[in-house]
Amino acid sequence: MHRYLQLIIVGSLITALPALAQDKDRPFPPSGEIQIPSGAAVDRMLDSNTVPPPDKEFSPNDAKAIQQMDQRAKRIDQEVMKGICTGC
């Protein structure tokens, strides 16, 4: 019985330690409180020029947009490979 209790304790420690490691790196608000902006504040933020315009790079047609994204991904992969491997 004592051995089963030890196995349960060790098992729970093994599962709890990764979760504890993730929590310590998370930034906390300075005051410990979360402030939710009012509706008027959200409207002011949306009306200001701080919000970038929507991306017009891809077609509104889904099939064409997927093709454009695939081409862009290949282009980015080629650029990355040039930066990583000069003899490729």
PDB file of N, CA and C in Angstrom:
ATOM      1  N   MET A   1       0.823  -1.190   0.000  1.00  0.00           N
ATOM      2  CA  MET A   1       0.000   0.000   0.000  1.00  0.00           C
ATOM      3  C   MET A   1       0.865   1.251   0.000  1.00  0.00           C
ATOM      4  N   HIS A   2       1.941   1.198   0.768  1.00  0.00           N
ATOM      5  CA  HIS A   2       2.847   2.347   0.861  1.00  0.00           C
ATOM      6  C   HIS A   2       3.496   2.635  -0.498  1.00  0.00           C
ATOM      7  N   ARG A   3       3.794   1.574  -1.240  1.00  0.00           N
ATOM      8  CA  ARG A   3       4.410   1.714  -2.553  1.00  0.00           C
ATOM      9  C   ARG A   3       3.444   2.375  -3.551  1.00  0.00           C
ATOM     10  N   TYR A   4       2.161   2.038  -3.484  1.00  0.00           N
ATOM     11  CA  TYR A   4       1.177   2.656  -4.366  1.00  0.00           C
ATOM     12  C   TYR A   4       1.047   4.149  -4.087  1.00  0.00           C
ATOM     13  N   LEU A   5       1.089   4.521  -2.829  1.00  0.00           N
ATOM     14  CA  LEU A   5       1.013   5.927  -2.457  1.00  0.00           C
ATOM     15  C   LEU A   5       2.217   6.684  -3.015  1.00  0.00           C
ATOM     16  N   GLN A   6       3.381   6.084  -2.940  1.00  0.00           N
ATOM     17  CA  GLN A   6       4.579   6.727  -3.489  1.00  0.00           C
ATOM     18  C   GLN A   6       4.471   6.884  -5.002  1.00  0.00           C
ATOM     19  N   LEU A   7       3.960   5.871  -5.680  1.00  0.00           N
ATOM     20  CA  LEU A   7       3.793   5.960  -7.131  1.00  0.00           C
ATOM     21  C   LEU A   7       2.798   7.063  -7.503  1.00  0.00           C
ATOM     22  N   ILE A   8       1.748   7.204  -6.752  1.00  0.00           N
ATOM     23  CA  ILE A   8       0.765   8.253  -7.026  1.00  0.00           C
ATOM     24  C   ILE A   8       1.382   9.626  -6.820  1.00  0.00           C
ATOM     25  N   ILE A   9       2.156   9.791  -5.764  1.00  0.00           N
ATOM     26  CA  ILE A   9       2.795  11.082  -5.498  1.00  0.00           C
ATOM     27  C   ILE A   9       3.805  11.423  -6.587  1.00  0.00           C
ATOM     28  N   VAL A  10       4.636  10.471  -6.966  1.00  0.00           N
ATOM     29  CA  VAL A  10       5.640  10.713  -8.012  1.00  0.00           C
ATOM     30  C   VAL A  10       4.944  11.018  -9.342  1.00  0.00           C
ATOM     31  N   GLY A  11       3.897  10.290  -9.660  1.00  0.00           N
ATOM     32  CA  GLY A  11       3.158  10.540 -10.906  1.00  0.00           C
ATOM     33  C   GLY A  11       2.538  11.915 -10.944  1.00  0.00           C
ATOM     34  N   SER A  12       1.967  12.355  -9.831  1.00  0.00           N
ATOM     35  CA  SER A  12       1.361  13.683  -9.819  1.00  0.00           C
ATOM     36  C   SER A  12       2.418  14.774  -9.902  1.00  0.00           C
ATOM     37  N   LEU A  13       3.582  14.569  -9.309  1.00  0.00           N
ATOM     38  CA  LEU A  13       4.661  15.547  -9.427  1.00  0.00           C
ATOM     39  C   LEU A  13       5.166  15.643 -10.858  1.00  0.00           C
ATOM     40  N   ILE A  14       5.274  14.508 -11.518  1.00  0.00           N
ATOM     41  CA  ILE A  14       5.755  14.500 -12.909  1.00  0.00           C
ATOM     42  C   ILE A  14       4.787  15.261 -13.807  1.00  0.00           C
ATOM     43  N   THR A  15       3.495  15.127 -13.564  1.00  0.00           N
ATOM     44  CA  THR A  15       2.526  15.833 -14.413  1.00  0.00           C
ATOM     45  C   THR A  15       2.378  17.289 -14.024  1.00  0.00           C
ATOM     46  N   ALA A  16       2.653  17.655 -12.786  1.00  0.00           N
ATOM     47  CA  ALA A  16       2.459  19.038 -12.335  1.00  0.00           C
ATOM     48  C   ALA A  16       3.648  19.933 -12.647  1.00  0.00           C
ATOM     49  N   LEU A  17       4.841  19.407 -12.701  1.00  0.00           N
ATOM     50  CA  LEU A  17       6.023  20.255 -12.883  1.00  0.00           C
ATOM     51  C   LEU A  17       6.047  21.007 -14.209  1.00  0.00           C
ATOM     52  N   PRO A  18       5.697  20.410 -15.351  1.00  0.00           N
ATOM     53  CA  PRO A  18       5.691  21.204 -16.585  1.00  0.00           C
ATOM     54  C   PRO A  18       4.697  22.368 -16.542  1.00  0.00           C
ATOM     55  N   ALA A  19       3.558  22.178 -15.921  1.00  0.00           N
ATOM     56  CA  ALA A  19       2.577  23.261 -15.822  1.00  0.00           C
ATOM     57  C   ALA A  19       3.106  24.386 -14.946  1.00  0.00           C
ATOM     58  N   LEU A  20       3.788  24.059 -13.882  1.00  0.00           N
ATOM     59  CA  LEU A  20       4.355  25.086 -13.012  1.00  0.00           C
ATOM     60  C   LEU A  20       5.464  25.854 -13.726  1.00  0.00           C
ATOM     61  N   ALA A  21       6.236  25.173 -14.550  1.00  0.00           N
ATOM     62  CA  ALA A  21       7.314  25.839 -15.283  1.00  0.00           C
ATOM     63  C   ALA A  21       6.754  26.836 -16.290  1.00  0.00           C
ATOM     64  N   GLN A  22       5.604  26.556 -16.888  1.00  0.00           N
ATOM     65  CA  GLN A  22       5.007  27.476 -17.848  1.00  0.00           C
ATOM     66  C   GLN A  22       4.446  28.708 -17.163  1.00  0.00           C
ATOM     67  N   ASP A  23       3.900  28.564 -15.986  1.00  0.00           N
ATOM     68  CA  ASP A  23       3.261  29.684 -15.302  1.00  0.00           C
ATOM     69  C   ASP A  23       4.245  30.738 -14.833  1.00  0.00           C
ATOM     70  N   LYS A  24       5.465  30.385 -14.520  1.00  0.00           N
ATOM     71  CA  LYS A  24       6.379  31.372 -13.951  1.00  0.00           C
ATOM     72  C   LYS A  24       6.893  32.362 -14.992  1.00  0.00           C
ATOM     73  N   ASP A  25       6.846  32.029 -16.280  1.00  0.00           N
ATOM     74  CA  ASP A  25       7.332  32.932 -17.319  1.00  0.00           C
ATOM     75  C   ASP A  25       6.256  33.880 -17.833  1.00  0.00           C
ATOM     76  N   ARG A  26       5.041  33.705 -17.415  1.00  0.00           N
ATOM     77  CA  ARG A  26       3.930  34.503 -17.907  1.00  0.00           C
ATOM     78  C   ARG A  26       3.963  35.904 -17.282  1.00  0.00           C
ATOM     79  N   PRO A  27       3.887  36.968 -18.106  1.00  0.00           N
ATOM     80  CA  PRO A  27       3.881  38.321 -17.539  1.00  0.00           C
ATOM     81  C   PRO A  27       2.558  38.615 -16.836  1.00  0.00           C
ATOM     82  N   PHE A  28       2.637  39.352 -15.763  1.00  0.00           N
ATOM     83  CA  PHE A  28       1.445  39.730 -15.014  1.00  0.00           C
ATOM     84  C   PHE A  28       1.212  41.222 -15.162  1.00  0.00           C
ATOM     85  N   PRO A  29      -0.035  41.669 -15.120  1.00  0.00           N
ATOM     86  CA  PRO A  29      -0.300  43.108 -15.135  1.00  0.00           C
ATOM     87  C   PRO A  29       0.342  43.756 -13.911  1.00  0.00           C
ATOM     88  N   PRO A  30       0.821  44.984 -14.044  1.00  0.00           N
ATOM     89  CA  PRO A  30       1.534  45.619 -12.935  1.00  0.00           C
ATOM     90  C   PRO A  30       0.726  45.708 -11.654  1.00  0.00           C
ATOM     91  N   SER A  31      -0.547  46.006 -11.740  1.00  0.00           N
ATOM     92  CA  SER A  31      -1.344  46.158 -10.536  1.00  0.00           C
ATOM     93  C   SER A  31      -2.009  44.848 -10.127  1.00  0.00           C
ATOM     94  N   GLY A  32      -1.896  43.824 -10.962  1.00  0.00           N
ATOM     95  CA  GLY A  32      -2.550  42.561 -10.673  1.00  0.00           C
ATOM     96  C   GLY A  32      -3.998  42.533 -11.124  1.00  0.00           C
ATOM     97  N   GLU A  33      -4.464  43.622 -11.696  1.00  0.00           N
ATOM     98  CA  GLU A  33      -5.839  43.697 -12.159  1.00  0.00           C
ATOM     99  C   GLU A  33      -5.869  43.813 -13.679  1.00  0.00           C
ATOM    100  N   ILE A  34      -6.920  43.296 -14.258  1.00  0.00           N
ATOM    101  CA  ILE A  34      -7.106  43.410 -15.706  1.00  0.00           C
ATOM    102  C   ILE A  34      -8.136  44.505 -15.947  1.00  0.00           C
ATOM    103  N   GLN A  35      -7.783  45.453 -16.799  1.00  0.00           N
ATOM    104  CA  GLN A  35      -8.704  46.540 -17.116  1.00  0.00           C
ATOM    105  C   GLN A  35      -9.291  46.314 -18.495  1.00  0.00           C
ATOM    106  N   ILE A  36     -10.595  46.279 -18.564  1.00  0.00           N
ATOM    107  CA  ILE A  36     -11.299  46.103 -19.831  1.00  0.00           C
ATOM    108  C   ILE A  36     -11.757  47.477 -20.289  1.00  0.00           C
ATOM    109  N   PRO A  37     -11.379  47.894 -21.507  1.00  0.00           N
ATOM    110  CA  PRO A  37     -11.789  49.225 -21.967  1.00  0.00           C
ATOM    111  C   PRO A  37     -13.293  49.291 -22.184  1.00  0.00           C
ATOM    112  N   SER A  38     -13.829  50.485 -22.007  1.00  0.00           N
ATOM    113  CA  SER A  38     -15.266  50.690 -22.215  1.00  0.00           C
ATOM    114  C   SER A  38     -15.579  50.652 -23.705  1.00  0.00           C
ATOM    115  N   GLY A  39     -16.846  50.591 -24.030  1.00  0.00           N
ATOM    116  CA  GLY A  39     -17.260  50.570 -25.430  1.00  0.00           C
ATOM    117  C   GLY A  39     -16.820  51.818 -26.170  1.00  0.00           C
ATOM    118  N   ALA A  40     -16.893  52.976 -25.495  1.00  0.00           N
ATOM    119  CA  ALA A  40     -16.471  54.226 -26.131  1.00  0.00           C
ATOM    120  C   ALA A  40     -14.965  54.218 -26.392  1.00  0.00           C
ATOM    121  N   ALA A  41     -14.196  53.652 -25.456  1.00  0.00           N
ATOM    122  CA  ALA A  41     -12.741  53.582 -25.650  1.00  0.00           C
ATOM    123  C   ALA A  41     -12.392  52.660 -26.814  1.00  0.00           C
ATOM    124  N   VAL A  42     -13.122  51.563 -26.943  1.00  0.00           N
ATOM    125  CA  VAL A  42     -12.892  50.652 -28.072  1.00  0.00           C
ATOM    126  C   VAL A  42     -13.235  51.347 -29.376  1.00  0.00           C
ATOM    127  N   ASP A  43     -14.343  52.085 -29.401  1.00  0.00           N
ATOM    128  CA  ASP A  43     -14.724  52.822 -30.616  1.00  0.00           C
ATOM    129  C   ASP A  43     -13.664  53.848 -30.998  1.00  0.00           C
ATOM    130  N   ARG A  44     -13.102  54.553 -30.003  1.00  0.00           N
ATOM    131  CA  ARG A  44     -12.045  55.534 -30.285  1.00  0.00           C
ATOM    132  C   ARG A  44     -10.805  54.845 -30.859  1.00  0.00           C
ATOM    133  N   MET A  45     -10.465  53.677 -30.297  1.00  0.00           N
ATOM    134  CA  MET A  45      -9.298  52.951 -30.811  1.00  0.00           C
ATOM    135  C   MET A  45      -9.519  52.509 -32.255  1.00  0.00           C
ATOM    136  N   LEU A  46     -10.737  52.038 -32.550  1.00  0.00           N
ATOM    137  CA  LEU A  46     -11.025  51.575 -33.907  1.00  0.00           C
ATOM    138  C   LEU A  46     -11.093  52.722 -34.902  1.00  0.00           C
ATOM    139  N   ASP A  47     -11.551  53.892 -34.444  1.00  0.00           N
ATOM    140  CA  ASP A  47     -11.642  55.052 -35.332  1.00  0.00           C
ATOM    141  C   ASP A  47     -10.285  55.699 -35.576  1.00  0.00           C
ATOM    142  N   SER A  48      -9.338  55.510 -34.676  1.00  0.00           N
ATOM    143  CA  SER A  48      -8.025  56.132 -34.855  1.00  0.00           C
ATOM    144  C   SER A  48      -7.241  55.389 -35.929  1.00  0.00           C
ATOM    145  N   ASN A  49      -6.137  55.946 -36.335  1.00  0.00           N
ATOM    146  CA  ASN A  49      -5.310  55.354 -37.384  1.00  0.00           C
ATOM    147  C   ASN A  49      -4.333  54.321 -36.853  1.00  0.00           C
ATOM    148  N   THR A  50      -4.484  53.901 -35.607  1.00  0.00           N
ATOM    149  CA  THR A  50      -3.553  52.902 -35.057  1.00  0.00           C
ATOM    150  C   THR A  50      -3.860  51.504 -35.547  1.00  0.00           C
ATOM    151  N   VAL A  51      -5.070  51.273 -36.032  1.00  0.00           N
ATOM    152  CA  VAL A  51      -5.434  49.966 -36.559  1.00  0.00           C
ATOM    153  C   VAL A  51      -5.031  49.925 -38.029  1.00  0.00           C
ATOM    154  N   PRO A  52      -4.170  48.971 -38.431  1.00  0.00           N
ATOM    155  CA  PRO A  52      -3.761  48.923 -39.836  1.00  0.00           C
ATOM    156  C   PRO A  52      -4.911  48.483 -40.738  1.00  0.00           C
ATOM    157  N   PRO A  53      -4.872  48.897 -41.985  1.00  0.00           N
ATOM    158  CA  PRO A  53      -5.933  48.474 -42.908  1.00  0.00           C
ATOM    159  C   PRO A  53      -5.835  46.977 -43.158  1.00  0.00           C
ATOM    160  N   PRO A  54      -6.915  46.352 -43.567  1.00  0.00           N
ATOM    161  CA  PRO A  54      -6.877  44.910 -43.825  1.00  0.00           C
ATOM    162  C   PRO A  54      -5.910  44.593 -44.964  1.00  0.00           C
ATOM    163  N   ASP A  55      -5.349  43.396 -44.909  1.00  0.00           N
ATOM    164  CA  ASP A  55      -4.363  42.964 -45.898  1.00  0.00           C
ATOM    165  C   ASP A  55      -5.063  42.672 -47.222  1.00  0.00           C
ATOM    166  N   LYS A  56      -4.657  43.353 -48.281  1.00  0.00           N
ATOM    167  CA  LYS A  56      -5.274  43.179 -49.601  1.00  0.00           C
ATOM    168  C   LYS A  56      -4.394  42.317 -50.511  1.00  0.00           C
ATOM    169  N   GLU A  57      -3.429  41.601 -49.911  1.00  0.00           N
ATOM    170  CA  GLU A  57      -2.486  40.836 -50.705  1.00  0.00           C
ATOM    171  C   GLU A  57      -3.127  39.606 -51.349  1.00  0.00           C
ATOM    172  N   PHE A  58      -4.140  39.033 -50.716  1.00  0.00           N
ATOM    173  CA  PHE A  58      -4.731  37.794 -51.211  1.00  0.00           C
ATOM    174  C   PHE A  58      -6.106  38.046 -51.811  1.00  0.00           C
ATOM    175  N   SER A  59      -6.462  37.201 -52.752  1.00  0.00           N
ATOM    176  CA  SER A  59      -7.736  37.297 -53.455  1.00  0.00           C
ATOM    177  C   SER A  59      -8.892  36.932 -52.518  1.00  0.00           C
ATOM    178  N   PRO A  60     -10.074  37.517 -52.734  1.00  0.00           N
ATOM    179  CA  PRO A  60     -11.237  37.106 -51.940  1.00  0.00           C
ATOM    180  C   PRO A  60     -11.735  35.706 -52.305  1.00  0.00           C
ATOM    181  N   ASN A  61     -11.332  35.215 -53.465  1.00  0.00           N
ATOM    182  CA  ASN A  61     -11.683  33.860 -53.887  1.00  0.00           C
ATOM    183  C   ASN A  61     -10.819  32.885 -53.089  1.00  0.00           C
ATOM    184  N   ASP A  62     -11.441  31.953 -52.362  1.00  0.00           N
ATOM    185  CA  ASP A  62     -10.712  31.056 -51.475  1.00  0.00           C
ATOM    186  C   ASP A  62      -9.681  30.206 -52.208  1.00  0.00           C
ATOM    187  N   ALA A  63     -10.054  29.623 -53.340  1.00  0.00           N
ATOM    188  CA  ALA A  63      -9.131  28.752 -54.072  1.00  0.00           C
ATOM    189  C   ALA A  63      -7.912  29.543 -54.544  1.00  0.00           C
ATOM    190  N   LYS A  64      -8.150  30.733 -55.067  1.00  0.00           N
ATOM    191  CA  LYS A  64      -7.050  31.564 -55.549  1.00  0.00           C
ATOM    192  C   LYS A  64      -6.195  32.062 -54.373  1.00  0.00           C
ATOM    193  N   ALA A  65      -6.833  32.376 -53.256  1.00  0.00           N
ATOM    194  CA  ALA A  65      -6.092  32.840 -52.084  1.00  0.00           C
ATOM    195  C   ALA A  65      -5.184  31.734 -51.548  1.00  0.00           C
ATOM    196  N   ILE A  66      -5.664  30.506 -51.541  1.00  0.00           N
ATOM    197  CA  ILE A  66      -4.834  29.378 -51.090  1.00  0.00           C
ATOM    198  C   ILE A  66      -3.636  29.219 -52.011  1.00  0.00           C
ATOM    199  N   GLN A  67      -3.853  29.338 -53.312  1.00  0.00           N
ATOM    200  CA  GLN A  67      -2.754  29.244 -54.274  1.00  0.00           C
ATOM    201  C   GLN A  67      -1.750  30.379 -54.049  1.00  0.00           C
ATOM    202  N   GLN A  68      -2.245  31.587 -53.798  1.00  0.00           N
ATOM    203  CA  GLN A  68      -1.357  32.722 -53.551  1.00  0.00           C
ATOM    204  C   GLN A  68      -0.561  32.533 -52.251  1.00  0.00           C
ATOM    205  N   MET A  69      -1.213  31.988 -51.227  1.00  0.00           N
ATOM    206  CA  MET A  69      -0.506  31.735 -49.970  1.00  0.00           C
ATOM    207  C   MET A  69       0.562  30.661 -50.134  1.00  0.00           C
ATOM    208  N   ASP A  70       0.257  29.629 -50.946  1.00  0.00           N
ATOM    209  CA  ASP A  70       1.258  28.586 -51.207  1.00  0.00           C
ATOM    210  C   ASP A  70       2.468  29.165 -51.937  1.00  0.00           C
ATOM    211  N   GLN A  71       2.212  30.024 -52.925  1.00  0.00           N
ATOM    212  CA  GLN A  71       3.318  30.650 -53.652  1.00  0.00           C
ATOM    213  C   GLN A  71       4.146  31.533 -52.725  1.00  0.00           C
ATOM    214  N   ARG A  72       3.474  32.274 -51.861  1.00  0.00           N
ATOM    215  CA  ARG A  72       4.198  33.130 -50.913  1.00  0.00           C
ATOM    216  C   ARG A  72       5.018  32.289 -49.939  1.00  0.00           C
ATOM    217  N   ALA A  73       4.451  31.161 -49.490  1.00  0.00           N
ATOM    218  CA  ALA A  73       5.177  30.283 -48.567  1.00  0.00           C
ATOM    219  C   ALA A  73       6.428  29.716 -49.240  1.00  0.00           C
ATOM    220  N   LYS A  74       6.317  29.328 -50.518  1.00  0.00           N
ATOM    221  CA  LYS A  74       7.487  28.825 -51.245  1.00  0.00           C
ATOM    222  C   LYS A  74       8.546  29.902 -51.392  1.00  0.00           C
ATOM    223  N   ARG A  75       8.109  31.137 -51.675  1.00  0.00           N
ATOM    224  CA  ARG A  75       9.040  32.256 -51.805  1.00  0.00           C
ATOM    225  C   ARG A  75       9.761  32.518 -50.484  1.00  0.00           C
ATOM    226  N   ILE A  76       9.038  32.475 -49.387  1.00  0.00           N
ATOM    227  CA  ILE A  76       9.640  32.683 -48.068  1.00  0.00           C
ATOM    228  C   ILE A  76      10.602  31.547 -47.752  1.00  0.00           C
ATOM    229  N   ASP A  77      10.212  30.309 -48.066  1.00  0.00           N
ATOM    230  CA  ASP A  77      11.105  29.169 -47.823  1.00  0.00           C
ATOM    231  C   ASP A  77      12.405  29.309 -48.594  1.00  0.00           C
ATOM    232  N   GLN A  78      12.316  29.769 -49.850  1.00  0.00           N
ATOM    233  CA  GLN A  78      13.525  29.959 -50.645  1.00  0.00           C
ATOM    234  C   GLN A  78      14.424  31.025 -50.033  1.00  0.00           C
ATOM    235  N   GLU A  79      13.829  32.111 -49.548  1.00  0.00           N
ATOM    236  CA  GLU A  79      14.613  33.173 -48.916  1.00  0.00           C
ATOM    237  C   GLU A  79      15.283  32.675 -47.635  1.00  0.00           C
ATOM    238  N   VAL A  80      14.558  31.872 -46.865  1.00  0.00           N
ATOM    239  CA  VAL A  80      15.121  31.337 -45.630  1.00  0.00           C
ATOM    240  C   VAL A  80      16.278  30.393 -45.954  1.00  0.00           C
ATOM    241  N   MET A  81      16.091  29.544 -46.956  1.00  0.00           N
ATOM    242  CA  MET A  81      17.145  28.605 -47.325  1.00  0.00           C
ATOM    243  C   MET A  81      18.390  29.352 -47.816  1.00  0.00           C
ATOM    244  N   LYS A  82      18.213  30.454 -48.508  1.00  0.00           N
ATOM    245  CA  LYS A  82      19.362  31.251 -48.953  1.00  0.00           C
ATOM    246  C   LYS A  82      20.116  31.796 -47.751  1.00  0.00           C
ATOM    247  N   GLY A  83      19.393  32.191 -46.711  1.00  0.00           N
ATOM    248  CA  GLY A  83      20.035  32.733 -45.527  1.00  0.00           C
ATOM    249  C   GLY A  83      20.694  31.668 -44.676  1.00  0.00           C
ATOM    250  N   ILE A  84      20.166  30.446 -44.708  1.00  0.00           N
ATOM    251  CA  ILE A  84      20.714  29.366 -43.873  1.00  0.00           C
ATOM    252  C   ILE A  84      21.842  28.654 -44.599  1.00  0.00           C
ATOM    253  N   CYS A  85      21.619  28.326 -45.841  1.00  0.00           N
ATOM    254  CA  CYS A  85      22.564  27.475 -46.574  1.00  0.00           C
ATOM    255  C   CYS A  85      23.010  28.226 -47.846  1.00  0.00           C
ATOM    256  N   THR A  86      24.221  28.742 -47.832  1.00  0.00           N
ATOM    257  CA  THR A  86      24.673  29.513 -48.982  1.00  0.00           C
ATOM    258  C   THR A  86      24.998  28.635 -50.176  1.00  0.00           C
ATOM    259  N   GLY A  87      25.286  27.346 -49.994  1.00  0.00           N
ATOM    260  CA  GLY A  87      25.627  26.472 -51.101  1.00  0.00           C
ATOM    261  C   GLY A  87      24.453  25.674 -51.637  1.00  0.00           C
ATOM    262  N   CYS A  88      23.244  25.949 -51.182  1.00  0.00           N
ATOM    263  CA  CYS A  88      22.070  25.156 -51.611  1.00  0.00           C
ATOM    264  C   CYS A  88      21.581  25.592 -52.977  1.00  0.00           C
TER     265      CYS A  88
END
